Amino acid sequence: MDNKVIDWLTSNVLPFEAELRTMLRRVCNGPAEVDDVVQEMYYKLMSMPEVQHVREPRGFAVRVAKNLVMDRMRRDAIVRIEAMSNLEELELEDQAPSPERVAMARAELNWVMGMIANLPPRCKRVVMARRIDGLSQSETAASLGVSEAVVAKEMFKGMKLISQMVARVAMRGKDAEDGSSEEKSSWQ
């Protein structure tokens, strides 16, 4: 077993186990079967050579558990009707953002990147390192060859300039709204 897989299980699947057990109680023949399915699910997940391909760990774990329950039902000669109807409850809603939300997020990112592009050069490099690359203040200082005080000063300056740009855009939008309402009133 790979320690990365175990760490992944510990942080992504284990916290969700109680909820999964609640879902499984509706389709399993008692607590012992729930325990068996959960144990088999963990075995299957721990046997995986890697987990980087799993984008939604919770949904993946539910899918593995559901497949195990379905395999058990196929093997059993008698299947409870309520278990079959409850099997659909083992579905999770798609956690992925909608195409509209993805498009909006891309547009927002492009807008922010445009504002960052308008910053002075050193200020732009600091903001990019801190907010886009996720570097700490000390990592940013080291990578740019400046002091942490300079990083703090440039970061403050960058956030202030971006806030001013956002305020200007908001004021233009407000002016446009006011102008359109005045236009409407002159037409009436």
Protein backbone atom coordinates (compact mmCIF):
# COMPACT_ATOMS: atom_id res chain seq x y z
CA MET A 1 0.00 0.00 0.00
CA ASP A 2 1.19 3.45 -0.93
CA ASN A 3 1.40 5.99 1.90
CA LYS A 4 0.07 8.68 -0.47
CA VAL A 5 -3.08 6.62 -0.99
CA ILE A 6 -3.47 6.12 2.76
CA ASP A 7 -3.00 9.85 3.39
CA TRP A 8 -5.54 10.58 0.65
CA LEU A 9 -8.03 8.16 2.22
CA THR A 10 -7.48 9.64 5.66
CA SER A 11 -8.08 13.20 4.53
CA ASN A 12 -10.75 12.68 1.83
CA VAL A 13 -12.77 9.54 2.57
CA LEU A 14 -12.53 8.88 6.30
CA PRO A 15 -14.29 12.15 7.29
CA PHE A 16 -17.18 11.14 5.03
CA GLU A 17 -17.53 7.57 6.39
CA ALA A 18 -20.38 8.30 8.83
CA GLU A 19 -22.49 9.83 6.07
CA LEU A 20 -21.67 6.90 3.77
CA ARG A 21 -22.72 4.42 6.49
CA THR A 22 -26.03 6.25 6.86
CA MET A 23 -26.61 5.94 3.12
CA LEU A 24 -25.64 2.25 3.15
CA ARG A 25 -28.05 1.41 6.01
CA ARG A 26 -30.92 2.02 3.60
CA VAL A 27 -29.73 -0.63 1.13
CA CYS A 28 -27.87 -3.18 3.24
CA ASN A 29 -29.27 -6.07 5.30
CA GLY A 30 -28.14 -4.74 8.65
CA PRO A 31 -25.09 -3.26 10.37
CA ALA A 32 -22.86 -6.26 9.63
CA GLU A 33 -23.36 -5.87 5.89
CA VAL A 34 -22.74 -2.12 6.14
CA ASP A 35 -19.44 -2.89 7.92
CA ASP A 36 -18.53 -5.42 5.22
CA VAL A 37 -19.24 -3.00 2.38
CA VAL A 38 -17.26 -0.20 4.06
CA GLN A 39 -14.36 -2.57 4.71
CA GLU A 40 -14.40 -3.80 1.10
CA MET A 41 -14.56 -0.22 -0.13
CA TYR A 42 -11.49 0.74 1.91
CA TYR A 43 -9.68 -2.37 0.66
CA LYS A 44 -10.43 -1.47 -2.96
CA LEU A 45 -9.40 2.14 -2.46
CA MET A 46 -6.20 1.20 -0.62
CA SER A 47 -5.34 -1.25 -3.40
CA MET A 48 -5.31 1.52 -5.97
CA PRO A 49 -1.81 2.28 -7.26
CA GLU A 50 -2.52 6.03 -7.35
CA VAL A 51 -5.33 8.46 -6.62
CA GLN A 52 -4.34 11.60 -8.52
CA HIS A 53 -6.99 10.89 -11.15
CA VAL A 54 -9.82 11.10 -8.59
CA ARG A 55 -11.31 14.58 -8.82
CA GLU A 56 -14.23 14.05 -6.43
CA PRO A 57 -13.12 11.66 -3.65
CA ARG A 58 -16.50 11.60 -1.93
CA GLY A 59 -18.37 10.71 -5.11
CA PHE A 60 -15.73 8.15 -6.04
CA ALA A 61 -16.06 6.42 -2.64
CA VAL A 62 -19.86 6.35 -2.98
CA ARG A 63 -19.56 4.88 -6.47
CA VAL A 64 -17.21 2.13 -5.22
CA ALA A 65 -19.59 1.35 -2.33
CA LYS A 66 -22.60 1.31 -4.66
CA ASN A 67 -20.83 -1.08 -7.04
CA LEU A 68 -20.03 -3.37 -4.11
CA VAL A 69 -23.67 -3.35 -2.97
CA MET A 70 -24.83 -4.10 -6.51
CA ASP A 71 -22.34 -6.99 -6.75
CA ARG A 72 -23.69 -8.39 -3.47
CA MET A 73 -27.26 -8.10 -4.73
CA ARG A 74 -26.38 -9.97 -7.91
CA ARG A 75 -24.83 -12.77 -5.86
CA ASP A 76 -27.76 -13.00 -3.45
CA ALA A 77 -30.68 -15.15 -4.53
CA ILE A 78 -33.18 -12.87 -2.79
CA VAL A 79 -33.13 -9.12 -3.23
CA ARG A 80 -35.24 -6.90 -1.02
CA ILE A 81 -37.49 -4.59 -3.04
CA GLU A 82 -36.86 -1.63 -0.71
CA ALA A 83 -33.11 -2.17 -1.06
CA MET A 84 -33.42 -1.82 -4.82
CA SER A 85 -35.48 1.35 -4.56
CA ASN A 86 -33.08 2.81 -1.99
CA LEU A 87 -30.07 2.01 -4.16
CA GLU A 88 -30.72 5.22 -6.10
CA GLU A 89 -30.12 7.17 -2.87
CA LEU A 90 -26.46 6.21 -3.08
CA GLU A 91 -26.03 8.79 -5.81
CA LEU A 92 -24.35 12.07 -4.99
CA GLU A 93 -25.14 15.30 -6.73
CA ASP A 94 -22.51 16.36 -9.20
CA GLN A 95 -20.16 18.63 -7.26
CA ALA A 96 -18.63 20.10 -10.40
CA PRO A 97 -19.49 23.71 -11.19
CA SER A 98 -21.98 24.35 -13.96
CA PRO A 99 -20.71 25.47 -17.37
CA GLU A 100 -22.14 28.92 -16.64
CA ARG A 101 -20.20 29.13 -13.34
CA VAL A 102 -17.00 28.02 -15.12
CA ALA A 103 -17.49 30.68 -17.79
CA MET A 104 -18.16 33.35 -15.14
CA ALA A 105 -15.10 32.30 -13.14
CA ARG A 106 -12.92 32.46 -16.26
CA ALA A 107 -14.27 35.91 -17.09
CA GLU A 108 -13.61 37.07 -13.50
CA LEU A 109 -10.09 35.65 -13.63
CA ASN A 110 -9.40 37.41 -16.93
CA TRP A 111 -10.73 40.65 -15.43
CA VAL A 112 -8.51 40.32 -12.35
CA MET A 113 -5.49 39.36 -14.46
CA GLY A 114 -6.14 42.48 -16.57
CA MET A 115 -6.09 44.63 -13.44
CA ILE A 116 -2.89 42.97 -12.23
CA ALA A 117 -1.33 43.59 -15.65
CA ASN A 118 -1.90 47.34 -15.14
CA LEU A 119 0.14 47.42 -11.92
CA PRO A 120 3.69 48.81 -11.83
CA PRO A 121 6.25 46.05 -12.69
CA ARG A 122 7.61 45.22 -9.21
CA CYS A 123 4.16 45.52 -7.66
CA LYS A 124 2.78 43.20 -10.37
CA ARG A 125 5.49 40.58 -9.69
CA VAL A 126 4.77 40.68 -5.93
CA VAL A 127 0.98 40.39 -6.37
CA MET A 128 1.39 37.56 -8.88
CA ALA A 129 3.77 35.67 -6.58
CA ARG A 130 1.58 36.10 -3.51
CA ARG A 131 -1.95 35.79 -4.93
CA ILE A 132 -1.54 33.71 -8.09
CA ASP A 133 1.45 31.50 -7.26
CA GLY A 134 0.50 31.26 -3.57
CA LEU A 135 3.97 32.04 -2.23
CA SER A 136 4.43 33.23 1.33
CA GLN A 137 5.84 36.66 2.05
CA SER A 138 9.30 35.24 2.77
CA GLU A 139 9.21 32.98 -0.33
CA THR A 140 8.19 35.96 -2.46
CA ALA A 141 11.00 38.09 -1.01
CA ALA A 142 13.55 35.36 -1.69
CA SER A 143 12.32 34.69 -5.24
CA LEU A 144 12.33 38.38 -6.18
CA GLY A 145 15.52 39.25 -4.31
CA VAL A 146 13.90 41.92 -2.14
CA SER A 147 13.22 42.26 1.57
CA GLU A 148 10.00 41.11 3.22
CA ALA A 149 9.26 44.75 4.04
CA VAL A 150 9.36 45.57 0.32
CA VAL A 151 7.03 42.63 -0.39
CA ALA A 152 4.59 43.87 2.26
CA LYS A 153 4.75 47.45 0.92
CA GLU A 154 4.28 46.37 -2.72
CA MET A 155 1.45 44.01 -1.77
CA PHE A 156 -0.35 46.81 0.08
CA LYS A 157 0.23 49.14 -2.86
CA GLY A 158 -1.04 46.51 -5.33
CA MET A 159 -4.21 45.79 -3.34
CA LYS A 160 -4.86 49.52 -2.99
CA LEU A 161 -4.43 50.09 -6.75
CA ILE A 162 -6.66 47.12 -7.59
CA SER A 163 -9.31 48.41 -5.17
CA GLN A 164 -9.17 51.79 -6.87
CA MET A 165 -9.55 50.14 -10.31
CA VAL A 166 -12.56 48.14 -9.06
CA ALA A 167 -14.09 51.32 -7.59
CA ARG A 168 -13.61 53.14 -10.93
CA VAL A 169 -15.30 50.29 -12.80
CA ALA A 170 -18.16 50.30 -10.28
CA MET A 171 -18.55 54.07 -10.63
CA ARG A 172 -18.63 53.79 -14.44
CA GLY A 173 -21.32 51.14 -14.09
CA LYS A 174 -23.29 53.37 -11.72
CA ASP A 175 -22.89 56.33 -14.06
CA ALA A 176 -24.07 54.21 -16.96
CA GLU A 177 -27.13 53.12 -14.96
CA ASP A 178 -27.87 56.70 -13.98
CA GLY A 179 -27.41 57.84 -17.57
CA SER A 180 -29.71 55.19 -18.92
CA SER A 181 -32.40 56.06 -16.41
CA GLU A 182 -32.11 59.76 -17.32
CA GLU A 183 -32.35 58.80 -20.97
CA LYS A 184 -35.49 56.83 -20.27
CA SER A 185 -37.10 59.70 -18.42
CA SER A 186 -36.40 62.13 -21.31
CA TRP A 187 -38.08 59.75 -23.73
CA GLN A 188 -41.26 59.58 -21.66
